[in-house]
Amino acid sequence: MAHDADSAAPSPPNGVPTRVDFHFDVMCPFAYQTSRWMRDVRDQTGLQIDWRFFSLEEINRAEGKKHPWERDWSYGWSMMRIGALLRRSSMDDLDRWYERAGRALHEEGHRPHDPNVARRLLTELGLDSNIVDEAMADASTHDDVKADHDRVVAAGGYGVPTLFFPEFVTDSGKIECFFGPVVLDPPEGDAALRLWQATTAWLEFPYLFELQRPKNDHHGEVIVDRFRPYLEARDWVSINRGKTIPLIPNQTEGSDPSV
């Protein structure tokens, strides 16, 4: 697995992060958009991104429903188990898997949460399609995903993207942890760097907790339009803090992944 989640590296001398742990779930369209921005920042600055997991299926699981690790195949959880196996030998392979699976779902309207589609995507990446079956046969991949998920929950997190900055610690000695930024249009070039500077500026203010732009009806219409490939390809419902959100009016939502 990646570096020890509970140990902080020495603070960088100029106060600018050189490493970030990015927790994601392939199922989340906003985390995917943020990951695109983060890769742009990496390309410009040399930032080290360590990809980590978080399960929307588990955090939104209704009481009495199965945990994702109790299923033979579970949408986001199983895609992350594939990633967990890849990460053991190469963070770069996990990076490429997340990018390809995320692009397939959120831009192309494919279903990477289908095992056969996942096999095809791995082949496109020059990786062994049998990794799908190997990851499902290796029960310890459950442990890898769950450990990352539990780390976010223990820090008070509830969704993705969640970022940890291993070089920075709070007054209590914990690694700094942020939710977001949540973006619809990931900025590129100089704009990407300005957003990175705005994000990491929060590290200076340990008791600054929240700045949020509420989504209005117009925002909702734009989100539905931009996320249409994802909305049409998914096989699950949208849940926000325990409440099912029908993003497309008059459309029958997909099946609840925790049924």
Protein backbone atom coordinates (compact mmCIF):
# COMPACT_ATOMS: atom_id res chain seq x y z
CA MET A 1 0.00 0.00 0.00
CA ALA A 2 0.95 3.66 0.01
CA HIS A 3 2.86 5.40 2.77
CA ASP A 4 1.75 5.21 6.40
CA ALA A 5 -1.43 7.26 6.69
CA ASP A 6 -0.67 8.29 10.28
CA SER A 7 2.86 9.59 9.80
CA ALA A 8 3.56 13.11 8.62
CA ALA A 9 6.60 14.01 6.54
CA PRO A 10 8.74 17.02 7.48
CA SER A 11 7.10 20.28 6.40
CA PRO A 12 8.41 21.58 3.07
CA PRO A 13 10.83 24.47 3.56
CA ASN A 14 8.82 27.00 1.50
CA GLY A 15 5.48 26.03 3.01
CA VAL A 16 4.12 24.74 -0.32
CA PRO A 17 2.90 21.13 -0.36
CA THR A 18 4.89 18.72 -2.49
CA ARG A 19 2.65 15.72 -1.72
CA VAL A 20 -1.07 15.10 -1.48
CA ASP A 21 -3.17 12.03 -0.74
CA PHE A 22 -6.23 12.16 -2.98
CA HIS A 23 -9.14 9.96 -1.82
CA PHE A 24 -11.62 9.12 -4.57
CA ASP A 25 -14.43 6.83 -5.62
CA VAL A 26 -14.62 6.21 -9.38
CA MET A 27 -18.42 6.55 -9.04
CA CYS A 28 -18.21 10.23 -8.09
CA PRO A 29 -18.38 12.70 -11.02
CA PHE A 30 -17.15 15.65 -8.95
CA ALA A 31 -14.10 13.76 -7.65
CA TYR A 32 -13.26 12.87 -11.24
CA GLN A 33 -13.38 16.54 -12.28
CA THR A 34 -11.16 17.47 -9.34
CA SER A 35 -8.71 14.71 -10.27
CA ARG A 36 -8.36 16.20 -13.75
CA TRP A 37 -7.42 19.53 -12.18
CA MET A 38 -5.01 17.84 -9.77
CA ARG A 39 -3.20 16.09 -12.60
CA ASP A 40 -2.77 19.44 -14.36
CA VAL A 41 -1.23 20.87 -11.18
CA ARG A 42 1.07 17.85 -10.97
CA ASP A 43 2.20 18.32 -14.57
CA GLN A 44 3.11 21.94 -13.87
CA THR A 45 4.66 21.62 -10.42
CA GLY A 46 5.90 18.05 -9.95
CA LEU A 47 3.39 17.50 -7.13
CA GLN A 48 3.34 13.91 -5.88
CA ILE A 49 -0.20 12.47 -5.87
CA ASP A 50 -0.86 9.33 -3.85
CA TRP A 51 -4.24 7.97 -4.87
CA ARG A 52 -6.37 6.63 -2.05
CA PHE A 53 -9.89 5.24 -1.79
CA PHE A 54 -13.22 6.14 -0.20
CA SER A 55 -16.51 4.30 -0.66
CA LEU A 56 -19.71 6.20 -1.37
CA GLU A 57 -21.57 2.89 -1.26
CA GLU A 58 -20.43 2.31 2.30
CA ILE A 59 -20.86 5.84 3.65
CA ASN A 60 -24.40 5.98 2.17
CA ARG A 61 -25.35 2.41 3.07
CA ALA A 62 -28.85 2.14 4.50
CA GLU A 63 -29.24 0.29 7.80
CA GLY A 64 -29.82 -3.40 7.20
CA LYS A 65 -28.31 -3.41 3.70
CA LYS A 66 -25.15 -5.33 2.84
CA HIS A 67 -21.74 -3.72 3.11
CA PRO A 68 -19.99 -3.52 -0.27
CA TRP A 69 -17.39 -6.04 0.87
CA GLU A 70 -20.18 -8.55 1.49
CA ARG A 71 -21.02 -8.67 -2.21
CA ASP A 72 -19.37 -10.69 -4.96
CA TRP A 73 -19.28 -7.51 -7.06
CA SER A 74 -20.05 -3.99 -5.94
CA TYR A 75 -19.87 -1.03 -8.32
CA GLY A 76 -17.42 1.49 -6.91
CA TRP A 77 -15.93 -0.84 -4.31
CA SER A 78 -14.91 -3.46 -6.87
CA MET A 79 -13.36 -0.84 -9.17
CA MET A 80 -11.31 0.32 -6.19
CA ARG A 81 -10.30 -3.28 -5.37
CA ILE A 82 -8.86 -3.46 -8.90
CA GLY A 83 -7.03 -0.23 -8.15
CA ALA A 84 -5.79 -1.56 -4.82
CA LEU A 85 -4.15 -4.54 -6.53
CA LEU A 86 -2.56 -2.27 -9.12
CA ARG A 87 -1.28 0.11 -6.45
CA ARG A 88 0.71 -2.64 -4.73
CA SER A 89 3.15 -2.68 -7.61
CA SER A 90 2.66 0.74 -9.21
CA MET A 91 1.00 3.98 -8.15
CA ASP A 92 1.26 5.00 -11.79
CA ASP A 93 -0.87 2.02 -12.86
CA LEU A 94 -3.53 3.05 -10.34
CA ASP A 95 -3.32 6.61 -11.66
CA ARG A 96 -3.89 5.38 -15.21
CA TRP A 97 -6.70 3.02 -14.13
CA TYR A 98 -8.57 5.78 -12.30
CA GLU A 99 -8.14 8.19 -15.21
CA ARG A 100 -9.34 5.65 -17.80
CA ALA A 101 -12.23 4.25 -15.76
CA GLY A 102 -13.29 7.75 -14.74
CA ARG A 103 -13.16 9.04 -18.30
CA ALA A 104 -15.11 6.02 -19.52
CA LEU A 105 -17.91 6.63 -17.02
CA HIS A 106 -18.05 10.40 -16.74
CA GLU A 107 -17.20 11.51 -20.29
CA GLU A 108 -17.90 8.56 -22.60
CA GLY A 109 -20.96 7.11 -20.88
CA HIS A 110 -19.52 3.59 -20.57
CA ARG A 111 -19.90 1.27 -17.58
CA PRO A 112 -16.48 0.50 -16.05
CA HIS A 113 -18.39 -0.97 -13.08
CA ASP A 114 -19.26 -3.88 -15.40
CA PRO A 115 -16.51 -6.53 -15.05
CA ASN A 116 -16.28 -7.06 -18.81
CA VAL A 117 -15.89 -3.34 -19.46
CA ALA A 118 -13.27 -3.14 -16.71
CA ARG A 119 -11.32 -5.95 -18.41
CA ARG A 120 -11.44 -4.11 -21.73
CA LEU A 121 -10.20 -0.88 -20.18
CA LEU A 122 -7.29 -2.66 -18.52
CA THR A 123 -6.35 -4.14 -21.89
CA GLU A 124 -6.45 -0.65 -23.42
CA LEU A 125 -3.92 0.42 -20.78
CA GLY A 126 -1.60 -2.46 -21.67
CA LEU A 127 -2.41 -4.22 -18.40
CA ASP A 128 -3.54 -7.79 -17.86
CA SER A 129 -7.34 -8.09 -18.01
CA ASN A 130 -7.07 -10.96 -15.51
CA ILE A 131 -6.34 -8.33 -12.86
CA VAL A 132 -10.12 -8.00 -12.45
CA ASP A 133 -10.43 -11.64 -11.42
CA GLU A 134 -7.25 -11.58 -9.35
CA ALA A 135 -8.45 -8.57 -7.39
CA MET A 136 -11.83 -10.19 -6.72
CA ALA A 137 -10.16 -13.44 -5.62
CA ASP A 138 -7.81 -11.63 -3.21
CA ALA A 139 -9.79 -10.83 -0.05
CA SER A 140 -7.01 -8.54 1.17
CA THR A 141 -7.99 -5.97 -1.49
CA HIS A 142 -11.11 -5.43 0.65
CA ASP A 143 -8.75 -4.54 3.51
CA ASP A 144 -6.82 -2.03 1.42
CA VAL A 145 -9.93 -0.17 0.32
CA LYS A 146 -11.50 -0.27 3.76
CA ALA A 147 -8.35 1.06 5.45
CA ASP A 148 -8.35 4.11 3.17
CA HIS A 149 -12.08 4.60 3.65
CA ASP A 150 -11.82 4.34 7.44
CA ARG A 151 -9.02 6.90 7.45
CA VAL A 152 -11.33 9.54 5.96
CA VAL A 153 -14.18 8.68 8.32
CA ALA A 154 -11.83 8.86 11.32
CA ALA A 155 -10.83 12.37 10.21
CA GLY A 156 -14.47 13.45 10.11
CA GLY A 157 -14.76 13.12 6.34
CA TYR A 158 -17.91 12.08 4.52
CA GLY A 159 -17.26 12.21 0.78
CA VAL A 160 -14.90 12.77 -2.10
CA PRO A 161 -12.69 14.36 -3.11
CA THR A 162 -10.91 14.33 0.25
CA LEU A 163 -7.32 15.54 0.36
CA PHE A 164 -4.69 14.85 3.03
CA PHE A 165 -1.48 16.87 3.16
CA PRO A 166 1.13 14.58 4.82
CA GLU A 167 3.63 17.43 5.24
CA PHE A 168 1.24 19.48 7.38
CA VAL A 169 -0.26 18.64 10.76
CA THR A 170 -2.96 20.21 12.90
CA ASP A 171 -2.49 21.53 16.44
CA SER A 172 -3.50 18.08 17.66
CA GLY A 173 -0.79 16.41 15.58
CA LYS A 174 -3.12 14.99 12.93
CA ILE A 175 -2.43 15.28 9.21
CA GLU A 176 -4.34 18.15 7.62
CA CYS A 177 -7.43 16.98 5.77
CA PHE A 178 -9.74 18.93 3.42
CA PHE A 179 -12.92 18.06 1.54
CA GLY A 180 -12.85 19.46 -2.00
CA PRO A 181 -12.40 21.52 -3.98
CA VAL A 182 -15.61 20.56 -5.76
CA VAL A 183 -15.40 21.78 -9.36
CA LEU A 184 -17.56 21.30 -12.43
CA ASP A 185 -15.10 22.69 -14.98
CA PRO A 186 -11.56 21.75 -13.93
CA PRO A 187 -9.27 24.71 -14.62
CA GLU A 188 -6.10 24.29 -16.65
CA GLY A 189 -2.78 26.08 -16.96
CA ASP A 190 -2.40 29.25 -14.93
CA ALA A 191 -5.98 28.99 -13.67
CA ALA A 192 -5.24 25.52 -12.29
CA LEU A 193 -2.29 26.92 -10.36
CA ARG A 194 -4.38 29.79 -8.98
CA LEU A 195 -6.94 27.31 -7.65
CA TRP A 196 -4.12 25.22 -6.15
CA GLN A 197 -2.75 28.32 -4.42
CA ALA A 198 -6.22 29.20 -3.15
CA THR A 199 -6.71 25.65 -1.86
CA THR A 200 -3.37 25.30 -0.12
CA ALA A 201 -3.69 28.80 1.38
CA TRP A 202 -6.13 27.20 3.82
CA LEU A 203 -3.19 25.38 5.40
CA GLU A 204 -2.22 28.69 6.99
CA PHE A 205 -5.53 29.00 8.84
CA PRO A 206 -6.14 25.97 11.11
CA TYR A 207 -9.56 27.18 12.30
CA LEU A 208 -10.96 28.16 8.91
CA PHE A 209 -13.60 25.49 8.31
CA GLU A 210 -15.91 26.29 5.43
CA LEU A 211 -16.51 28.55 2.44
CA GLN A 212 -19.29 27.35 0.15
CA ARG A 213 -21.23 28.57 -2.87
CA PRO A 214 -24.77 27.14 -2.55
CA LYS A 215 -26.08 25.45 -5.71
CA ASN A 216 -29.19 27.10 -7.16
CA ASP A 217 -31.63 25.77 -9.78
CA HIS A 218 -29.50 27.07 -12.63
CA HIS A 219 -26.45 25.29 -11.25
CA GLY A 220 -28.50 22.10 -11.07
CA GLU A 221 -29.48 22.39 -14.74
CA VAL A 222 -25.86 22.92 -15.78
CA ILE A 223 -24.69 19.99 -13.65
CA VAL A 224 -27.26 17.66 -15.23
CA ASP A 225 -26.22 18.80 -18.71
CA ARG A 226 -22.48 18.36 -18.07
CA PHE A 227 -22.89 15.03 -16.27
CA ARG A 228 -25.34 13.48 -18.72
CA PRO A 229 -22.96 10.69 -19.93
CA TYR A 230 -22.44 9.65 -16.31
CA LEU A 231 -26.12 9.94 -15.43
CA GLU A 232 -27.10 7.70 -18.32
CA ALA A 233 -24.37 5.12 -17.70
CA ARG A 234 -24.66 4.70 -13.94
CA ASP A 235 -26.65 1.92 -12.28
CA TRP A 236 -27.18 3.63 -8.92
CA VAL A 237 -28.96 6.57 -7.36
CA SER A 238 -27.51 9.84 -6.12
CA ILE A 239 -27.49 10.18 -2.34
CA ASN A 240 -26.54 13.33 -0.44
CA ARG A 241 -26.25 13.01 3.35
CA GLY A 242 -28.68 10.09 3.39
CA LYS A 243 -31.24 11.65 1.02
CA THR A 244 -31.85 10.34 -2.50
CA ILE A 245 -31.47 13.14 -5.06
CA PRO A 246 -33.25 12.71 -8.45
CA LEU A 247 -30.91 14.62 -10.75
CA ILE A 248 -32.92 13.99 -13.92
CA PRO A 249 -36.61 14.90 -13.49
CA ASN A 250 -39.12 12.21 -14.50
CA GLN A 251 -36.37 9.64 -15.07
CA THR A 252 -36.43 6.37 -13.20
CA GLU A 253 -33.20 6.22 -11.23
CA GLY A 254 -30.91 3.20 -11.30
CA SER A 255 -30.87 0.57 -8.63
CA ASP A 256 -29.60 1.37 -5.16
CA PRO A 257 -26.11 -0.22 -4.95
CA SER A 258 -26.75 -1.14 -1.33
CA VAL A 259 -29.95 -3.11 -2.04
